[in-house]
Structure formats: structure tokens, C-alpha cells
Amino acid sequence: MDRMEKPSSGFRYARVPVNIEAEYEFKGIKGKCNIVDISEGGMKIQVKQVFVPGDMIRVKFPIIHEGKVISIDAWCIVRNSSGNEIGVEFDELSNEHRKLLVTYVENLLLRHGKDRYEPIE
């Protein structure tokens, strides 16, 4: 299976709980946020700003790869918003950052004993 292949109908990328401090940018406004779960396709973020589905935000966050801190720079589309949490889908990532992110998430999935895909609840 291709590493960038999307999950089949009825499934989504498995999400892994994390606690990553990050920065977002939206229409020139920058702020701090916290990533609470992550998958190959997106993440759930706690923010103090109100977003609506369809908003495009830039999120920068650190991951550990082979013992080094790598700063991921991702453009994301807000897919849902509930209170101070938003769900975003990765939209624009460099090929290098996408590969690093996939490896990072796969390693987290292994540690949590999860498969790459999970049924949509």
C-alpha cells in the first residue's frame, strides 16, 4: 500500500494522543496552541481563537526524528470546531515534512499498539 494512500470508506487515519505546544497563524495573526491528537491526515488542536470549518491556518510544531527536533510547517484546513478545539486536515506540507510526519505518527502508533487506520465512530 502506498504510504500516502487515503483510508478506505468507513475508516480514517488512526489518531494518537499527544501534548505538543505549537504556533498557529491565521490571516496574519499568530498565537499559541496545543496539539492534543495527531494522525497522518490531521490533528486536533486546542486554541483560544474561534475558527470555522473551511478556514486555512498555518501550524508550526516540533517533532522528534532520530533524536533531533524537527520543526514541521503545515498549512491546514479546519474541518470541525467545538468550543476551544478544532479538527484540522493537513493540506500543504513539503514532501520532506510529510515523510517525517508519517514516520513520526507510525512510531507513535507502534508505541500505542494501534493500527494505521481505525473505524470512523
C-alpha atoms as a PDB file:
ATOM      1  CA  MET A   1       0.000   0.000   0.000  1.00  0.00           C
ATOM      2  CA  ASP A   2       1.261   3.477  -0.883  1.00  0.00           C
ATOM      3  CA  ARG A   3       2.275   5.447   2.220  1.00  0.00           C
ATOM      4  CA  MET A   4       0.199   8.437   1.087  1.00  0.00           C
ATOM      5  CA  GLU A   5      -2.915   6.413   0.245  1.00  0.00           C
ATOM      6  CA  LYS A   6      -6.098   7.594   1.943  1.00  0.00           C
ATOM      7  CA  PRO A   7      -8.104   5.239   4.180  1.00  0.00           C
ATOM      8  CA  SER A   8     -10.963   3.363   2.544  1.00  0.00           C
ATOM      9  CA  SER A   9     -14.594   4.263   3.191  1.00  0.00           C
ATOM     10  CA  GLY A  10     -15.650   3.799   6.805  1.00  0.00           C
ATOM     11  CA  PHE A  11     -12.098   4.239   8.093  1.00  0.00           C
ATOM     12  CA  ARG A  12      -9.833   7.146   8.989  1.00  0.00           C
ATOM     13  CA  TYR A  13      -6.190   7.533   9.897  1.00  0.00           C
ATOM     14  CA  ALA A  14      -5.700   6.355  13.468  1.00  0.00           C
ATOM     15  CA  ARG A  15      -5.274   9.197  15.937  1.00  0.00           C
ATOM     16  CA  VAL A  16      -2.694   9.196  18.694  1.00  0.00           C
ATOM     17  CA  PRO A  17      -2.927  11.350  21.835  1.00  0.00           C
ATOM     18  CA  VAL A  18      -0.079  13.850  22.156  1.00  0.00           C
ATOM     19  CA  ASN A  19       0.667  17.054  24.044  1.00  0.00           C
ATOM     20  CA  ILE A  20       2.635  19.300  21.692  1.00  0.00           C
ATOM     21  CA  GLU A  21       2.950  23.056  22.104  1.00  0.00           C
ATOM     22  CA  ALA A  22       2.613  24.727  18.717  1.00  0.00           C
ATOM     23  CA  GLU A  23       2.118  28.060  16.991  1.00  0.00           C
ATOM     24  CA  TYR A  24      -0.584  28.923  14.504  1.00  0.00           C
ATOM     25  CA  GLU A  25      -1.021  31.752  12.044  1.00  0.00           C
ATOM     26  CA  PHE A  26      -4.353  32.864  10.626  1.00  0.00           C
ATOM     27  CA  LYS A  27      -4.744  35.932   8.403  1.00  0.00           C
ATOM     28  CA  GLY A  28      -1.551  37.466   9.782  1.00  0.00           C
ATOM     29  CA  ILE A  29      -2.469  36.818  13.439  1.00  0.00           C
ATOM     30  CA  LYS A  30      -0.152  34.483  15.346  1.00  0.00           C
ATOM     31  CA  GLY A  31      -0.977  32.593  18.508  1.00  0.00           C
ATOM     32  CA  LYS A  32      -0.048  29.633  20.644  1.00  0.00           C
ATOM     33  CA  CYS A  33      -1.993  26.376  20.590  1.00  0.00           C
ATOM     34  CA  ASN A  34      -1.719  22.830  21.856  1.00  0.00           C
ATOM     35  CA  ILE A  35      -1.963  19.701  19.693  1.00  0.00           C
ATOM     36  CA  VAL A  36      -3.915  17.020  21.606  1.00  0.00           C
ATOM     37  CA  ASP A  37      -4.006  14.282  18.983  1.00  0.00           C
ATOM     38  CA  ILE A  38      -2.362  13.643  15.649  1.00  0.00           C
ATOM     39  CA  SER A  39      -2.703  11.292  12.678  1.00  0.00           C
ATOM     40  CA  GLU A  40      -1.208  11.060   9.204  1.00  0.00           C
ATOM     41  CA  GLY A  41      -4.117  13.118   7.904  1.00  0.00           C
ATOM     42  CA  GLY A  42      -4.542  15.842  10.520  1.00  0.00           C
ATOM     43  CA  MET A  43      -4.761  16.761  14.175  1.00  0.00           C
ATOM     44  CA  LYS A  44      -6.945  18.070  16.972  1.00  0.00           C
ATOM     45  CA  ILE A  45      -5.798  21.404  18.372  1.00  0.00           C
ATOM     46  CA  GLN A  46      -6.795  23.416  21.436  1.00  0.00           C
ATOM     47  CA  VAL A  47      -6.922  27.133  20.595  1.00  0.00           C
ATOM     48  CA  LYS A  48      -8.231  30.310  22.178  1.00  0.00           C
ATOM     49  CA  GLN A  49      -9.375  31.771  18.848  1.00  0.00           C
ATOM     50  CA  VAL A  50     -12.655  30.977  17.101  1.00  0.00           C
ATOM     51  CA  PHE A  51     -12.368  29.161  13.771  1.00  0.00           C
ATOM     52  CA  VAL A  52     -14.990  27.865  11.384  1.00  0.00           C
ATOM     53  CA  PRO A  53     -14.822  24.905   9.003  1.00  0.00           C
ATOM     54  CA  GLY A  54     -13.021  25.922   5.823  1.00  0.00           C
ATOM     55  CA  ASP A  55     -10.576  28.318   7.498  1.00  0.00           C
ATOM     56  CA  MET A  56      -6.991  27.787   6.330  1.00  0.00           C
ATOM     57  CA  ILE A  57      -4.403  28.028   9.105  1.00  0.00           C
ATOM     58  CA  ARG A  58      -0.658  27.547   9.259  1.00  0.00           C
ATOM     59  CA  VAL A  59       0.616  25.446  12.163  1.00  0.00           C
ATOM     60  CA  LYS A  60       4.261  25.056  13.163  1.00  0.00           C
ATOM     61  CA  PHE A  61       5.142  22.343  15.652  1.00  0.00           C
ATOM     62  CA  PRO A  62       8.134  20.265  16.754  1.00  0.00           C
ATOM     63  CA  ILE A  63       8.508  16.503  16.375  1.00  0.00           C
ATOM     64  CA  ILE A  64      11.387  14.255  17.367  1.00  0.00           C
ATOM     65  CA  HIS A  65      13.022  12.363  14.497  1.00  0.00           C
ATOM     66  CA  GLU A  66      16.080  10.171  15.112  1.00  0.00           C
ATOM     67  CA  GLY A  67      16.849  12.093  18.307  1.00  0.00           C
ATOM     68  CA  LYS A  68      16.616  15.521  16.670  1.00  0.00           C
ATOM     69  CA  VAL A  69      13.890  18.145  16.973  1.00  0.00           C
ATOM     70  CA  ILE A  70      12.395  18.942  13.567  1.00  0.00           C
ATOM     71  CA  SER A  71      10.033  21.886  13.097  1.00  0.00           C
ATOM     72  CA  ILE A  72       7.070  20.912  10.918  1.00  0.00           C
ATOM     73  CA  ASP A  73       5.415  23.728   8.962  1.00  0.00           C
ATOM     74  CA  ALA A  74       1.924  22.740   7.787  1.00  0.00           C
ATOM     75  CA  TRP A  75      -0.970  24.539   6.135  1.00  0.00           C
ATOM     76  CA  CYS A  76      -4.193  23.008   7.402  1.00  0.00           C
ATOM     77  CA  ILE A  77      -7.910  23.265   6.669  1.00  0.00           C
ATOM     78  CA  VAL A  78     -10.250  23.488   9.655  1.00  0.00           C
ATOM     79  CA  ARG A  79     -12.740  20.615   9.271  1.00  0.00           C
ATOM     80  CA  ASN A  80     -14.640  20.969  12.541  1.00  0.00           C
ATOM     81  CA  SER A  81     -14.801  23.270  15.533  1.00  0.00           C
ATOM     82  CA  SER A  82     -16.170  22.594  19.010  1.00  0.00           C
ATOM     83  CA  GLY A  83     -15.543  25.032  21.846  1.00  0.00           C
ATOM     84  CA  ASN A  84     -11.813  25.596  22.139  1.00  0.00           C
ATOM     85  CA  GLU A  85     -10.899  22.554  19.995  1.00  0.00           C
ATOM     86  CA  ILE A  86     -10.622  22.338  16.232  1.00  0.00           C
ATOM     87  CA  GLY A  87     -10.006  19.398  13.951  1.00  0.00           C
ATOM     88  CA  VAL A  88      -7.737  20.182  11.026  1.00  0.00           C
ATOM     89  CA  GLU A  89      -6.681  18.292   7.916  1.00  0.00           C
ATOM     90  CA  PHE A  90      -3.154  18.649   6.595  1.00  0.00           C
ATOM     91  CA  ASP A  91      -3.376  20.427   3.249  1.00  0.00           C
ATOM     92  CA  GLU A  92       0.064  21.707   2.286  1.00  0.00           C
ATOM     93  CA  LEU A  93       3.259  20.134   3.600  1.00  0.00           C
ATOM     94  CA  SER A  94       6.607  19.832   1.887  1.00  0.00           C
ATOM     95  CA  ASN A  95       7.366  16.269   0.747  1.00  0.00           C
ATOM     96  CA  GLU A  96      10.170  16.099   3.312  1.00  0.00           C
ATOM     97  CA  HIS A  97       7.906  17.222   6.173  1.00  0.00           C
ATOM     98  CA  ARG A  98       5.123  14.839   5.064  1.00  0.00           C
ATOM     99  CA  LYS A  99       7.533  11.871   5.111  1.00  0.00           C
ATOM    100  CA  LEU A 100       8.909  12.875   8.528  1.00  0.00           C
ATOM    101  CA  LEU A 101       5.385  13.304   9.878  1.00  0.00           C
ATOM    102  CA  VAL A 102       4.249   9.892   8.563  1.00  0.00           C
ATOM    103  CA  THR A 103       7.285   8.240  10.192  1.00  0.00           C
ATOM    104  CA  TYR A 104       6.641  10.109  13.459  1.00  0.00           C
ATOM    105  CA  VAL A 105       2.972   9.065  13.551  1.00  0.00           C
ATOM    106  CA  GLU A 106       3.793   5.452  12.591  1.00  0.00           C
ATOM    107  CA  ASN A 107       6.246   5.280  15.516  1.00  0.00           C
ATOM    108  CA  LEU A 108       3.595   6.679  17.888  1.00  0.00           C
ATOM    109  CA  LEU A 109       1.053   4.140  16.602  1.00  0.00           C
ATOM    110  CA  LEU A 110       3.510   1.303  17.260  1.00  0.00           C
ATOM    111  CA  ARG A 111       4.111   2.541  20.807  1.00  0.00           C
ATOM    112  CA  HIS A 112       0.362   2.730  21.434  1.00  0.00           C
ATOM    113  CA  GLY A 113      -0.300  -0.661  19.796  1.00  0.00           C
ATOM    114  CA  LYS A 114      -2.616   0.884  17.186  1.00  0.00           C
ATOM    115  CA  ASP A 115      -3.152   0.084  13.523  1.00  0.00           C
ATOM    116  CA  ARG A 116      -2.668   2.732  10.823  1.00  0.00           C
ATOM    117  CA  TYR A 117      -6.424   3.001  10.218  1.00  0.00           C
ATOM    118  CA  GLU A 118      -9.397   2.903  12.578  1.00  0.00           C
ATOM    119  CA  PRO A 119     -13.168   2.706  12.003  1.00  0.00           C
ATOM    120  CA  ILE A 120     -14.969   6.033  11.897  1.00  0.00           C
ATOM    121  CA  GLU A 121     -17.010   6.299  15.089  1.00  0.00           C
END
